[in-house]
C-alpha atoms as a PDB file:
ATOM      1  CA  MET A   1       8.701  -9.966 -12.379  1.00  0.00           C
ATOM      2  CA  ASN A   2       8.219  -6.210 -12.491  1.00  0.00           C
ATOM      3  CA  TRP A   3       4.450  -6.492 -11.960  1.00  0.00           C
ATOM      4  CA  ILE A   4       4.865  -8.965  -9.126  1.00  0.00           C
ATOM      5  CA  CYS A   5       7.132  -6.546  -7.257  1.00  0.00           C
ATOM      6  CA  ILE A   6       4.700  -3.694  -7.822  1.00  0.00           C
ATOM      7  CA  GLY A   7       1.780  -5.886  -6.714  1.00  0.00           C
ATOM      8  CA  VAL A   8       3.476  -6.863  -3.464  1.00  0.00           C
ATOM      9  CA  ALA A   9       4.366  -3.221  -2.816  1.00  0.00           C
ATOM     10  CA  ALA A  10       0.722  -2.305  -3.474  1.00  0.00           C
ATOM     11  CA  LEU A  11      -0.351  -4.915  -0.911  1.00  0.00           C
ATOM     12  CA  ALA A  12       2.007  -3.309   1.599  1.00  0.00           C
ATOM     13  CA  ALA A  13       0.435   0.088   0.909  1.00  0.00           C
ATOM     14  CA  LEU A  14      -3.051  -1.404   1.245  1.00  0.00           C
ATOM     15  CA  CYS A  15      -2.138  -2.867   4.632  1.00  0.00           C
ATOM     16  CA  LEU A  16      -0.828   0.487   5.776  1.00  0.00           C
ATOM     17  CA  TYR A  17      -3.913   2.315   4.504  1.00  0.00           C
ATOM     18  CA  LEU A  18      -6.325  -0.133   6.099  1.00  0.00           C
ATOM     19  CA  ALA A  19      -4.590   0.437   9.438  1.00  0.00           C
ATOM     20  CA  SER A  20      -5.413   4.151   9.198  1.00  0.00           C
ATOM     21  CA  PRO A  21      -8.332   5.351  11.348  1.00  0.00           C
ATOM     22  CA  HIS A  22      -9.493   7.637   8.494  1.00  0.00           C
ATOM     23  CA  GLN A  23     -10.211   4.857   6.020  1.00  0.00           C
ATOM     24  CA  SER A  24     -13.676   3.509   5.306  1.00  0.00           C
ATOM     25  CA  LEU A  25     -12.847   0.859   2.703  1.00  0.00           C
ATOM     26  CA  TRP A  26     -12.998  -1.929   5.247  1.00  0.00           C
ATOM     27  CA  PRO A  27     -14.020  -0.808   8.752  1.00  0.00           C
ATOM     28  CA  ALA A  28     -13.411  -4.263  10.238  1.00  0.00           C
ATOM     29  CA  ALA A  29      -9.691  -3.868   9.524  1.00  0.00           C
ATOM     30  CA  LEU A  30      -9.409  -1.288  12.286  1.00  0.00           C
ATOM     31  CA  ARG A  31      -9.496  -4.091  14.865  1.00  0.00           C
ATOM     32  CA  ARG A  32      -6.204  -5.379  13.448  1.00  0.00           C
ATOM     33  CA  GLN A  33      -4.299  -2.108  13.071  1.00  0.00           C
ATOM     34  CA  ALA A  34      -1.124  -3.319  14.752  1.00  0.00           C
ATOM     35  CA  PHE A  35      -0.962  -6.479  12.643  1.00  0.00           C
ATOM     36  CA  LEU A  36      -1.573  -4.579   9.389  1.00  0.00           C
ATOM     37  CA  ARG A  37       1.129  -2.033  10.198  1.00  0.00           C
ATOM     38  CA  TRP A  38       3.520  -4.850  11.047  1.00  0.00           C
ATOM     39  CA  LEU A  39       2.631  -6.750   7.844  1.00  0.00           C
ATOM     40  CA  ALA A  40       3.301  -3.726   5.630  1.00  0.00           C
ATOM     41  CA  VAL A  41       7.001  -3.693   6.553  1.00  0.00           C
ATOM     42  CA  PRO A  42       7.967  -7.223   5.412  1.00  0.00           C
ATOM     43  CA  LEU A  43       5.777  -6.926   2.317  1.00  0.00           C
ATOM     44  CA  LEU A  44       7.520  -3.738   1.235  1.00  0.00           C
ATOM     45  CA  ALA A  45      10.948  -5.123   2.123  1.00  0.00           C
ATOM     46  CA  GLY A  46      10.208  -8.291   0.146  1.00  0.00           C
ATOM     47  CA  SER A  47       9.028  -6.289  -2.828  1.00  0.00           C
ATOM     48  CA  VAL A  48      12.136  -4.118  -2.849  1.00  0.00           C
ATOM     49  CA  ALA A  49      14.422  -7.113  -2.271  1.00  0.00           C
ATOM     50  CA  SER A  50      12.940  -9.107  -5.149  1.00  0.00           C
ATOM     51  CA  ALA A  51      13.101  -6.089  -7.465  1.00  0.00           C
ATOM     52  CA  VAL A  52      16.731  -5.440  -6.465  1.00  0.00           C
ATOM     53  CA  ASP A  53      17.554  -9.059  -7.198  1.00  0.00           C
ATOM     54  CA  ALA A  54      15.969  -8.873 -10.642  1.00  0.00           C
ATOM     55  CA  TYR A  55      16.871  -5.349 -11.784  1.00  0.00           C
ATOM     56  CA  GLY A  56      19.773  -4.066  -9.719  1.00  0.00           C
ATOM     57  CA  ALA A  57      20.047  -1.904  -6.631  1.00  0.00           C
ATOM     58  CA  TRP A  58      18.705   1.538  -7.491  1.00  0.00           C
ATOM     59  CA  CYS A  59      16.286   0.403 -10.161  1.00  0.00           C
ATOM     60  CA  GLY A  60      14.805  -2.191  -7.780  1.00  0.00           C
ATOM     61  CA  VAL A  61      14.406   0.339  -4.992  1.00  0.00           C
ATOM     62  CA  CYS A  62      12.676   2.738  -7.376  1.00  0.00           C
ATOM     63  CA  ILE A  63      10.334   0.031  -8.704  1.00  0.00           C
ATOM     64  CA  GLY A  64       9.308  -1.090  -5.223  1.00  0.00           C
ATOM     65  CA  LEU A  65       8.823   2.395  -3.828  1.00  0.00           C
ATOM     66  CA  ALA A  66       7.005   3.640  -6.935  1.00  0.00           C
ATOM     67  CA  GLY A  67       4.411   0.880  -6.602  1.00  0.00           C
ATOM     68  CA  PHE A  68       4.081   1.574  -2.882  1.00  0.00           C
ATOM     69  CA  MET A  69       3.730   5.347  -3.211  1.00  0.00           C
ATOM     70  CA  SER A  70       1.386   5.191  -6.222  1.00  0.00           C
ATOM     71  CA  THR A  71      -0.975   2.952  -4.301  1.00  0.00           C
ATOM     72  CA  LEU A  72      -0.805   5.184  -1.225  1.00  0.00           C
ATOM     73  CA  VAL A  73      -1.839   8.116  -3.422  1.00  0.00           C
ATOM     74  CA  ALA A  74      -4.656   6.220  -5.175  1.00  0.00           C
ATOM     75  CA  LEU A  75      -6.317   4.596  -2.147  1.00  0.00           C
ATOM     76  CA  PRO A  76      -7.808   7.770  -0.588  1.00  0.00           C
ATOM     77  CA  TYR A  77      -9.304   8.663  -3.968  1.00  0.00           C
ATOM     78  CA  LEU A  78     -10.781   5.170  -4.267  1.00  0.00           C
ATOM     79  CA  ASP A  79     -12.182   5.503  -0.757  1.00  0.00           C
ATOM     80  CA  ALA A  80     -13.768   8.881  -1.556  1.00  0.00           C
ATOM     81  CA  TRP A  81     -15.151   7.594  -4.853  1.00  0.00           C
ATOM     82  CA  ARG A  82     -16.821   4.673  -3.075  1.00  0.00           C
ATOM     83  CA  ARG A  83     -18.569   7.048  -0.656  1.00  0.00           C
ATOM     84  CA  LYS A  84     -19.900   9.340  -3.452  1.00  0.00           C
ATOM     85  CA  GLY A  85     -21.488  12.303  -1.801  1.00  0.00           C
ATOM     86  CA  GLY A  86     -20.705  11.375   1.758  1.00  0.00           C
ATOM     87  CA  ARG A  87     -19.161  13.903   4.064  1.00  0.00           C
ATOM     88  CA  HIS A  88     -15.577  14.787   3.416  1.00  0.00           C
ATOM     89  CA  ALA A  89     -12.929  16.214   5.668  1.00  0.00           C
ATOM     90  CA  GLY A  90     -12.292  19.866   5.172  1.00  0.00           C
END
């Protein structure tokens, strides 16, 4: 159950990242920015709710948010790694 909650939270973070204009993982996702931002909210809420149900209040919140935040940190690095040598901001 723990990995399912983290996976759903990671999907929420992916939706939020794909809605960002700075991403280049999937350029076609930029046409659906509003939908992806909207979808991230129920995915994260569902992840936290299912973790709270399984593990308790504070532990469930921490599990859901840890999966969400870890994915939000990792996705820009994955994006930069895919580009390998492309221009970077800075």
